[in-house]
Amino acid sequence: MSDVESKLEKYLEDTGKVLEELSVCGALAAGRGEISDVLRLARSYFQDAQHFQRSGEHLVGLVAVVYCSGLLDALRTLGLVSYRWRGEVEG
């Protein structure tokens, strides 16, 4: 397995877990539509990455899953969603 393939596999595993477990933060009812739009886009990039992995386009898949994780991190940085990456300590 190449380095790109193994990185793609790890990113897909970690990002898939985050997508399953994340929660939209508290009293953000007014912005939920926009948050949902960004989460939908992130999930779309995740699905694209899975497709590219299956079709052997590992580098393109890695780019797609990294883009997905960037969208998730932006939402978290803005305090709109809550989750932890594997190995990340609370703090």
PDB file of N, CA and C in Angstrom:
ATOM      1  N   MET A   1       0.857  -1.180   0.000  1.00  0.00           N
ATOM      2  CA  MET A   1       0.000   0.000   0.000  1.00  0.00           C
ATOM      3  C   MET A   1       0.897   1.236   0.000  1.00  0.00           C
ATOM      4  N   SER A   2       0.603   2.161  -0.884  1.00  0.00           N
ATOM      5  CA  SER A   2       1.410   3.381  -0.971  1.00  0.00           C
ATOM      6  C   SER A   2       1.096   4.302   0.202  1.00  0.00           C
ATOM      7  N   ASP A   3       1.966   5.287   0.387  1.00  0.00           N
ATOM      8  CA  ASP A   3       1.777   6.277   1.445  1.00  0.00           C
ATOM      9  C   ASP A   3       0.464   7.036   1.255  1.00  0.00           C
ATOM     10  N   VAL A   4       0.155   7.391   0.018  1.00  0.00           N
ATOM     11  CA  VAL A   4      -1.085   8.119  -0.273  1.00  0.00           C
ATOM     12  C   VAL A   4      -2.293   7.242   0.057  1.00  0.00           C
ATOM     13  N   GLU A   5      -2.243   5.971  -0.333  1.00  0.00           N
ATOM     14  CA  GLU A   5      -3.349   5.057  -0.037  1.00  0.00           C
ATOM     15  C   GLU A   5      -3.577   4.919   1.468  1.00  0.00           C
ATOM     16  N   SER A   6      -2.498   4.771   2.222  1.00  0.00           N
ATOM     17  CA  SER A   6      -2.651   4.598   3.668  1.00  0.00           C
ATOM     18  C   SER A   6      -3.146   5.874   4.333  1.00  0.00           C
ATOM     19  N   LYS A   7      -2.689   7.034   3.857  1.00  0.00           N
ATOM     20  CA  LYS A   7      -3.187   8.302   4.403  1.00  0.00           C
ATOM     21  C   LYS A   7      -4.676   8.461   4.088  1.00  0.00           C
ATOM     22  N   LEU A   8      -5.074   8.129   2.870  1.00  0.00           N
ATOM     23  CA  LEU A   8      -6.482   8.223   2.486  1.00  0.00           C
ATOM     24  C   LEU A   8      -7.329   7.321   3.376  1.00  0.00           C
ATOM     25  N   GLU A   9      -6.887   6.104   3.584  1.00  0.00           N
ATOM     26  CA  GLU A   9      -7.627   5.173   4.429  1.00  0.00           C
ATOM     27  C   GLU A   9      -7.791   5.725   5.849  1.00  0.00           C
ATOM     28  N   LYS A  10      -6.719   6.260   6.415  1.00  0.00           N
ATOM     29  CA  LYS A  10      -6.762   6.820   7.772  1.00  0.00           C
ATOM     30  C   LYS A  10      -7.691   8.035   7.832  1.00  0.00           C
ATOM     31  N   TYR A  11      -7.544   8.954   6.872  1.00  0.00           N
ATOM     32  CA  TYR A  11      -8.410  10.141   6.847  1.00  0.00           C
ATOM     33  C   TYR A  11      -9.876   9.754   6.709  1.00  0.00           C
ATOM     34  N   LEU A  12     -10.180   8.778   5.858  1.00  0.00           N
ATOM     35  CA  LEU A  12     -11.563   8.349   5.693  1.00  0.00           C
ATOM     36  C   LEU A  12     -12.111   7.767   6.987  1.00  0.00           C
ATOM     37  N   GLU A  13     -11.323   6.963   7.656  1.00  0.00           N
ATOM     38  CA  GLU A  13     -11.757   6.368   8.913  1.00  0.00           C
ATOM     39  C   GLU A  13     -12.015   7.447   9.970  1.00  0.00           C
ATOM     40  N   ASP A  14     -11.044   8.331  10.152  1.00  0.00           N
ATOM     41  CA  ASP A  14     -11.167   9.374  11.179  1.00  0.00           C
ATOM     42  C   ASP A  14     -12.290  10.366  10.863  1.00  0.00           C
ATOM     43  N   THR A  15     -12.364  10.783   9.616  1.00  0.00           N
ATOM     44  CA  THR A  15     -13.371  11.767   9.220  1.00  0.00           C
ATOM     45  C   THR A  15     -14.770  11.161   9.254  1.00  0.00           C
ATOM     46  N   GLY A  16     -14.896   9.911   8.857  1.00  0.00           N
ATOM     47  CA  GLY A  16     -16.189   9.233   8.930  1.00  0.00           C
ATOM     48  C   GLY A  16     -16.702   9.174  10.357  1.00  0.00           C
ATOM     49  N   LYS A  17     -15.812   8.889  11.295  1.00  0.00           N
ATOM     50  CA  LYS A  17     -16.196   8.847  12.713  1.00  0.00           C
ATOM     51  C   LYS A  17     -16.657  10.226  13.187  1.00  0.00           C
ATOM     52  N   VAL A  18     -15.938  11.280  12.797  1.00  0.00           N
ATOM     53  CA  VAL A  18     -16.318  12.644  13.172  1.00  0.00           C
ATOM     54  C   VAL A  18     -17.686  12.981  12.595  1.00  0.00           C
ATOM     55  N   LEU A  19     -17.917  12.661  11.332  1.00  0.00           N
ATOM     56  CA  LEU A  19     -19.211  12.957  10.707  1.00  0.00           C
ATOM     57  C   LEU A  19     -20.364  12.253  11.416  1.00  0.00           C
ATOM     58  N   GLU A  20     -20.116  11.052  11.928  1.00  0.00           N
ATOM     59  CA  GLU A  20     -21.151  10.317  12.658  1.00  0.00           C
ATOM     60  C   GLU A  20     -21.428  10.925  14.030  1.00  0.00           C
ATOM     61  N   GLU A  21     -20.394  11.453  14.684  1.00  0.00           N
ATOM     62  CA  GLU A  21     -20.506  11.834  16.088  1.00  0.00           C
ATOM     63  C   GLU A  21     -20.638  13.331  16.344  1.00  0.00           C
ATOM     64  N   LEU A  22     -20.415  14.173  15.352  1.00  0.00           N
ATOM     65  CA  LEU A  22     -20.440  15.613  15.630  1.00  0.00           C
ATOM     66  C   LEU A  22     -21.830  16.083  16.007  1.00  0.00           C
ATOM     67  N   SER A  23     -21.877  17.178  16.728  1.00  0.00           N
ATOM     68  CA  SER A  23     -23.159  17.774  17.084  1.00  0.00           C
ATOM     69  C   SER A  23     -23.114  19.268  16.814  1.00  0.00           C
ATOM     70  N   VAL A  24     -24.252  19.787  16.381  1.00  0.00           N
ATOM     71  CA  VAL A  24     -24.397  21.224  16.173  1.00  0.00           C
ATOM     72  C   VAL A  24     -24.554  21.850  17.547  1.00  0.00           C
ATOM     73  N   CYS A  25     -23.841  22.929  17.789  1.00  0.00           N
ATOM     74  CA  CYS A  25     -23.812  23.551  19.110  1.00  0.00           C
ATOM     75  C   CYS A  25     -25.093  24.308  19.418  1.00  0.00           C
ATOM     76  N   GLY A  26     -25.524  24.138  20.660  1.00  0.00           N
ATOM     77  CA  GLY A  26     -26.629  24.776  21.341  1.00  0.00           C
ATOM     78  C   GLY A  26     -27.591  25.678  20.597  1.00  0.00           C
ATOM     79  N   ALA A  27     -27.632  26.931  21.018  1.00  0.00           N
ATOM     80  CA  ALA A  27     -28.671  27.881  20.607  1.00  0.00           C
ATOM     81  C   ALA A  27     -28.317  28.576  19.298  1.00  0.00           C
ATOM     82  N   LEU A  28     -28.118  27.804  18.256  1.00  0.00           N
ATOM     83  CA  LEU A  28     -27.745  28.381  16.961  1.00  0.00           C
ATOM     84  C   LEU A  28     -28.866  28.209  15.946  1.00  0.00           C
ATOM     85  N   ALA A  29     -30.079  28.256  16.426  1.00  0.00           N
ATOM     86  CA  ALA A  29     -31.234  27.972  15.560  1.00  0.00           C
ATOM     87  C   ALA A  29     -31.253  28.848  14.316  1.00  0.00           C
ATOM     88  N   ALA A  30     -30.890  30.118  14.443  1.00  0.00           N
ATOM     89  CA  ALA A  30     -30.942  31.037  13.301  1.00  0.00           C
ATOM     90  C   ALA A  30     -29.979  30.622  12.198  1.00  0.00           C
ATOM     91  N   GLY A  31     -28.846  30.035  12.558  1.00  0.00           N
ATOM     92  CA  GLY A  31     -27.843  29.682  11.559  1.00  0.00           C
ATOM     93  C   GLY A  31     -27.851  28.229  11.149  1.00  0.00           C
ATOM     94  N   ARG A  32     -28.805  27.452  11.633  1.00  0.00           N
ATOM     95  CA  ARG A  32     -28.793  26.015  11.347  1.00  0.00           C
ATOM     96  C   ARG A  32     -28.864  25.708   9.851  1.00  0.00           C
ATOM     97  N   GLY A  33     -29.577  26.530   9.079  1.00  0.00           N
ATOM     98  CA  GLY A  33     -29.659  26.293   7.638  1.00  0.00           C
ATOM     99  C   GLY A  33     -28.296  26.378   6.983  1.00  0.00           C
ATOM    100  N   GLU A  34     -27.520  27.398   7.323  1.00  0.00           N
ATOM    101  CA  GLU A  34     -26.185  27.564   6.754  1.00  0.00           C
ATOM    102  C   GLU A  34     -25.248  26.463   7.249  1.00  0.00           C
ATOM    103  N   ILE A  35     -25.378  26.113   8.538  1.00  0.00           N
ATOM    104  CA  ILE A  35     -24.551  25.037   9.083  1.00  0.00           C
ATOM    105  C   ILE A  35     -24.862  23.740   8.346  1.00  0.00           C
ATOM    106  N   SER A  36     -26.142  23.470   8.149  1.00  0.00           N
ATOM    107  CA  SER A  36     -26.547  22.260   7.421  1.00  0.00           C
ATOM    108  C   SER A  36     -26.005  22.252   6.002  1.00  0.00           C
ATOM    109  N   ASP A  37     -25.999  23.414   5.357  1.00  0.00           N
ATOM    110  CA  ASP A  37     -25.462  23.508   3.996  1.00  0.00           C
ATOM    111  C   ASP A  37     -23.980  23.135   3.963  1.00  0.00           C
ATOM    112  N   VAL A  38     -23.220  23.650   4.920  1.00  0.00           N
ATOM    113  CA  VAL A  38     -21.776  23.351   4.962  1.00  0.00           C
ATOM    114  C   VAL A  38     -21.555  21.884   5.311  1.00  0.00           C
ATOM    115  N   LEU A  39     -22.340  21.350   6.244  1.00  0.00           N
ATOM    116  CA  LEU A  39     -22.218  19.926   6.583  1.00  0.00           C
ATOM    117  C   LEU A  39     -22.579  19.040   5.396  1.00  0.00           C
ATOM    118  N   ARG A  40     -23.591  19.434   4.640  1.00  0.00           N
ATOM    119  CA  ARG A  40     -23.964  18.683   3.433  1.00  0.00           C
ATOM    120  C   ARG A  40     -22.808  18.692   2.427  1.00  0.00           C
ATOM    121  N   LEU A  41     -22.171  19.846   2.275  1.00  0.00           N
ATOM    122  CA  LEU A  41     -21.023  19.955   1.373  1.00  0.00           C
ATOM    123  C   LEU A  41     -19.866  19.083   1.868  1.00  0.00           C
ATOM    124  N   ALA A  42     -19.611  19.107   3.172  1.00  0.00           N
ATOM    125  CA  ALA A  42     -18.547  18.277   3.739  1.00  0.00           C
ATOM    126  C   ALA A  42     -18.830  16.795   3.496  1.00  0.00           C
ATOM    127  N   ARG A  43     -20.073  16.383   3.721  1.00  0.00           N
ATOM    128  CA  ARG A  43     -20.440  14.976   3.489  1.00  0.00           C
ATOM    129  C   ARG A  43     -20.305  14.603   2.011  1.00  0.00           C
ATOM    130  N   SER A  44     -20.595  15.543   1.135  1.00  0.00           N
ATOM    131  CA  SER A  44     -20.445  15.299  -0.296  1.00  0.00           C
ATOM    132  C   SER A  44     -18.974  15.066  -0.656  1.00  0.00           C
ATOM    133  N   TYR A  45     -18.098  15.896  -0.106  1.00  0.00           N
ATOM    134  CA  TYR A  45     -16.656  15.682  -0.341  1.00  0.00           C
ATOM    135  C   TYR A  45     -16.211  14.342   0.233  1.00  0.00           C
ATOM    136  N   PHE A  46     -16.755  13.951   1.383  1.00  0.00           N
ATOM    137  CA  PHE A  46     -16.421  12.669   1.987  1.00  0.00           C
ATOM    138  C   PHE A  46     -16.843  11.524   1.063  1.00  0.00           C
ATOM    139  N   GLN A  47     -18.057  11.601   0.543  1.00  0.00           N
ATOM    140  CA  GLN A  47     -18.540  10.575  -0.382  1.00  0.00           C
ATOM    141  C   GLN A  47     -17.707  10.537  -1.659  1.00  0.00           C
ATOM    142  N   ASP A  48     -17.310  11.707  -2.146  1.00  0.00           N
ATOM    143  CA  ASP A  48     -16.420  11.761  -3.308  1.00  0.00           C
ATOM    144  C   ASP A  48     -15.115  11.035  -3.007  1.00  0.00           C
ATOM    145  N   ALA A  49     -14.563  11.273  -1.818  1.00  0.00           N
ATOM    146  CA  ALA A  49     -13.307  10.630  -1.433  1.00  0.00           C
ATOM    147  C   ALA A  49     -13.454   9.114  -1.410  1.00  0.00           C
ATOM    148  N   GLN A  50     -14.575   8.632  -0.889  1.00  0.00           N
ATOM    149  CA  GLN A  50     -14.830   7.187  -0.886  1.00  0.00           C
ATOM    150  C   GLN A  50     -14.896   6.646  -2.313  1.00  0.00           C
ATOM    151  N   HIS A  51     -15.572   7.374  -3.187  1.00  0.00           N
ATOM    152  CA  HIS A  51     -15.667   6.970  -4.594  1.00  0.00           C
ATOM    153  C   HIS A  51     -14.275   6.897  -5.225  1.00  0.00           C
ATOM    154  N   PHE A  52     -13.458   7.935  -5.004  1.00  0.00           N
ATOM    155  CA  PHE A  52     -12.120   7.951  -5.591  1.00  0.00           C
ATOM    156  C   PHE A  52     -11.248   6.839  -5.026  1.00  0.00           C
ATOM    157  N   GLN A  53     -11.446   6.507  -3.747  1.00  0.00           N
ATOM    158  CA  GLN A  53     -10.694   5.388  -3.174  1.00  0.00           C
ATOM    159  C   GLN A  53     -11.058   4.094  -3.893  1.00  0.00           C
ATOM    160  N   ARG A  54     -12.355   3.867  -4.074  1.00  0.00           N
ATOM    161  CA  ARG A  54     -12.814   2.647  -4.751  1.00  0.00           C
ATOM    162  C   ARG A  54     -12.319   2.567  -6.195  1.00  0.00           C
ATOM    163  N   SER A  55     -12.219   3.718  -6.846  1.00  0.00           N
ATOM    164  CA  SER A  55     -11.813   3.715  -8.256  1.00  0.00           C
ATOM    165  C   SER A  55     -10.296   3.793  -8.426  1.00  0.00           C
ATOM    166  N   GLY A  56      -9.559   3.782  -7.309  1.00  0.00           N
ATOM    167  CA  GLY A  56      -8.097   3.766  -7.388  1.00  0.00           C
ATOM    168  C   GLY A  56      -7.459   5.127  -7.568  1.00  0.00           C
ATOM    169  N   GLU A  57      -8.242   6.184  -7.505  1.00  0.00           N
ATOM    170  CA  GLU A  57      -7.708   7.542  -7.636  1.00  0.00           C
ATOM    171  C   GLU A  57      -7.413   8.091  -6.235  1.00  0.00           C
ATOM    172  N   HIS A  58      -6.388   7.530  -5.612  1.00  0.00           N
ATOM    173  CA  HIS A  58      -6.115   7.787  -4.200  1.00  0.00           C
ATOM    174  C   HIS A  58      -5.711   9.229  -3.905  1.00  0.00           C
ATOM    175  N   LEU A  59      -4.929   9.826  -4.754  1.00  0.00           N
ATOM    176  CA  LEU A  59      -4.514  11.206  -4.513  1.00  0.00           C
ATOM    177  C   LEU A  59      -5.715  12.156  -4.576  1.00  0.00           C
ATOM    178  N   VAL A  60      -6.579  11.967  -5.552  1.00  0.00           N
ATOM    179  CA  VAL A  60      -7.779  12.800  -5.671  1.00  0.00           C
ATOM    180  C   VAL A  60      -8.685  12.557  -4.465  1.00  0.00           C
ATOM    181  N   GLY A  61      -8.788  11.311  -4.024  1.00  0.00           N
ATOM    182  CA  GLY A  61      -9.572  10.981  -2.842  1.00  0.00           C
ATOM    183  C   GLY A  61      -9.022  11.654  -1.602  1.00  0.00           C
ATOM    184  N   LEU A  62      -7.699  11.677  -1.466  1.00  0.00           N
ATOM    185  CA  LEU A  62      -7.071  12.328  -0.319  1.00  0.00           C
ATOM    186  C   LEU A  62      -7.377  13.826  -0.318  1.00  0.00           C
ATOM    187  N   VAL A  63      -7.304  14.438  -1.483  1.00  0.00           N
ATOM    188  CA  VAL A  63      -7.630  15.866  -1.584  1.00  0.00           C
ATOM    189  C   VAL A  63      -9.074  16.107  -1.149  1.00  0.00           C
ATOM    190  N   ALA A  64      -9.998  15.274  -1.594  1.00  0.00           N
ATOM    191  CA  ALA A  64     -11.413  15.454  -1.260  1.00  0.00           C
ATOM    192  C   ALA A  64     -11.665  15.293   0.233  1.00  0.00           C
ATOM    193  N   VAL A  65     -11.068  14.285   0.866  1.00  0.00           N
ATOM    194  CA  VAL A  65     -11.318  14.073   2.292  1.00  0.00           C
ATOM    195  C   VAL A  65     -10.634  15.145   3.135  1.00  0.00           C
ATOM    196  N   VAL A  66      -9.496  15.650   2.688  1.00  0.00           N
ATOM    197  CA  VAL A  66      -8.841  16.736   3.412  1.00  0.00           C
ATOM    198  C   VAL A  66      -9.681  18.010   3.299  1.00  0.00           C
ATOM    199  N   TYR A  67     -10.282  18.247   2.160  1.00  0.00           N
ATOM    200  CA  TYR A  67     -11.169  19.402   2.005  1.00  0.00           C
ATOM    201  C   TYR A  67     -12.361  19.268   2.953  1.00  0.00           C
ATOM    202  N   CYS A  68     -12.934  18.063   3.030  1.00  0.00           N
ATOM    203  CA  CYS A  68     -14.033  17.791   3.954  1.00  0.00           C
ATOM    204  C   CYS A  68     -13.614  18.106   5.385  1.00  0.00           C
ATOM    205  N   SER A  69     -12.466  17.620   5.800  1.00  0.00           N
ATOM    206  CA  SER A  69     -12.023  17.858   7.180  1.00  0.00           C
ATOM    207  C   SER A  69     -11.752  19.336   7.427  1.00  0.00           C
ATOM    208  N   GLY A  70     -11.323  20.061   6.414  1.00  0.00           N
ATOM    209  CA  GLY A  70     -11.126  21.499   6.552  1.00  0.00           C
ATOM    210  C   GLY A  70     -12.428  22.231   6.798  1.00  0.00           C
ATOM    211  N   LEU A  71     -13.486  21.830   6.092  1.00  0.00           N
ATOM    212  CA  LEU A  71     -14.796  22.426   6.333  1.00  0.00           C
ATOM    213  C   LEU A  71     -15.272  22.138   7.750  1.00  0.00           C
ATOM    214  N   LEU A  72     -15.073  20.909   8.213  1.00  0.00           N
ATOM    215  CA  LEU A  72     -15.468  20.553   9.573  1.00  0.00           C
ATOM    216  C   LEU A  72     -14.680  21.360  10.602  1.00  0.00           C
ATOM    217  N   ASP A  73     -13.380  21.490  10.383  1.00  0.00           N
ATOM    218  CA  ASP A  73     -12.552  22.263  11.312  1.00  0.00           C
ATOM    219  C   ASP A  73     -12.961  23.733  11.331  1.00  0.00           C
ATOM    220  N   ALA A  74     -13.346  24.278  10.189  1.00  0.00           N
ATOM    221  CA  ALA A  74     -13.796  25.673  10.150  1.00  0.00           C
ATOM    222  C   ALA A  74     -15.076  25.842  10.967  1.00  0.00           C
ATOM    223  N   LEU A  75     -16.013  24.924  10.816  1.00  0.00           N
ATOM    224  CA  LEU A  75     -17.242  24.990  11.607  1.00  0.00           C
ATOM    225  C   LEU A  75     -16.939  24.897  13.104  1.00  0.00           C
ATOM    226  N   ARG A  76     -16.012  24.026  13.451  1.00  0.00           N
ATOM    227  CA  ARG A  76     -15.665  23.870  14.866  1.00  0.00           C
ATOM    228  C   ARG A  76     -14.957  25.106  15.392  1.00  0.00           C
ATOM    229  N   THR A  77     -14.048  25.679  14.614  1.00  0.00           N
ATOM    230  CA  THR A  77     -13.336  26.888  15.021  1.00  0.00           C
ATOM    231  C   THR A  77     -14.306  28.034  15.270  1.00  0.00           C
ATOM    232  N   LEU A  78     -15.363  28.095  14.479  1.00  0.00           N
ATOM    233  CA  LEU A  78     -16.385  29.126  14.649  1.00  0.00           C
ATOM    234  C   LEU A  78     -17.354  28.816  15.792  1.00  0.00           C
ATOM    235  N   GLY A  79     -17.187  27.654  16.418  1.00  0.00           N
ATOM    236  CA  GLY A  79     -18.040  27.272  17.538  1.00  0.00           C
ATOM    237  C   GLY A  79     -19.417  26.790  17.122  1.00  0.00           C
ATOM    238  N   LEU A  80     -19.556  26.342  15.878  1.00  0.00           N
ATOM    239  CA  LEU A  80     -20.856  25.942  15.352  1.00  0.00           C
ATOM    240  C   LEU A  80     -21.138  24.451  15.501  1.00  0.00           C
ATOM    241  N   VAL A  81     -20.078  23.656  15.558  1.00  0.00           N
ATOM    242  CA  VAL A  81     -20.217  22.220  15.775  1.00  0.00           C
ATOM    243  C   VAL A  81     -19.193  21.790  16.820  1.00  0.00           C
ATOM    244  N   SER A  82     -19.456  20.622  17.385  1.00  0.00           N
ATOM    245  CA  SER A  82     -18.561  20.077  18.394  1.00  0.00           C
ATOM    246  C   SER A  82     -18.203  18.642  18.020  1.00  0.00           C
ATOM    247  N   TYR A  83     -16.925  18.301  18.103  1.00  0.00           N
ATOM    248  CA  TYR A  83     -16.430  16.941  17.874  1.00  0.00           C
ATOM    249  C   TYR A  83     -14.965  16.911  18.278  1.00  0.00           C
ATOM    250  N   ARG A  84     -14.426  15.701  18.334  1.00  0.00           N
ATOM    251  CA  ARG A  84     -12.991  15.529  18.572  1.00  0.00           C
ATOM    252  C   ARG A  84     -12.431  14.546  17.561  1.00  0.00           C
ATOM    253  N   TRP A  85     -11.245  14.853  17.059  1.00  0.00           N
ATOM    254  CA  TRP A  85     -10.518  13.926  16.200  1.00  0.00           C
ATOM    255  C   TRP A  85      -9.948  12.809  17.077  1.00  0.00           C
ATOM    256  N   ARG A  86      -9.735  11.652  16.493  1.00  0.00           N
ATOM    257  CA  ARG A  86      -9.137  10.529  17.227  1.00  0.00           C
ATOM    258  C   ARG A  86      -7.811  10.984  17.835  1.00  0.00           C
ATOM    259  N   GLY A  87      -7.634  10.651  19.094  1.00  0.00           N
ATOM    260  CA  GLY A  87      -6.390  10.996  19.782  1.00  0.00           C
ATOM    261  C   GLY A  87      -6.333  12.411  20.322  1.00  0.00           C
ATOM    262  N   GLU A  88      -7.316  13.207  20.014  1.00  0.00           N
ATOM    263  CA  GLU A  88      -7.340  14.601  20.469  1.00  0.00           C
ATOM    264  C   GLU A  88      -7.869  14.617  21.898  1.00  0.00           C
ATOM    265  N   VAL A  89      -7.134  15.288  22.767  1.00  0.00           N
ATOM    266  CA  VAL A  89      -7.571  15.370  24.161  1.00  0.00           C
ATOM    267  C   VAL A  89      -8.480  16.567  24.358  1.00  0.00           C
ATOM    268  N   GLU A  90      -9.396  16.418  25.291  1.00  0.00           N
ATOM    269  CA  GLU A  90     -10.316  17.513  25.596  1.00  0.00           C
ATOM    270  C   GLU A  90      -9.547  18.629  26.268  1.00  0.00           C
ATOM    271  N   GLY A  91      -9.881  19.835  25.875  1.00  0.00           N
ATOM    272  CA  GLY A  91      -9.168  20.924  26.532  1.00  0.00           C
ATOM    273  C   GLY A  91      -9.348  22.240  25.966  1.00  0.00           C
TER     274      GLY A  91
END
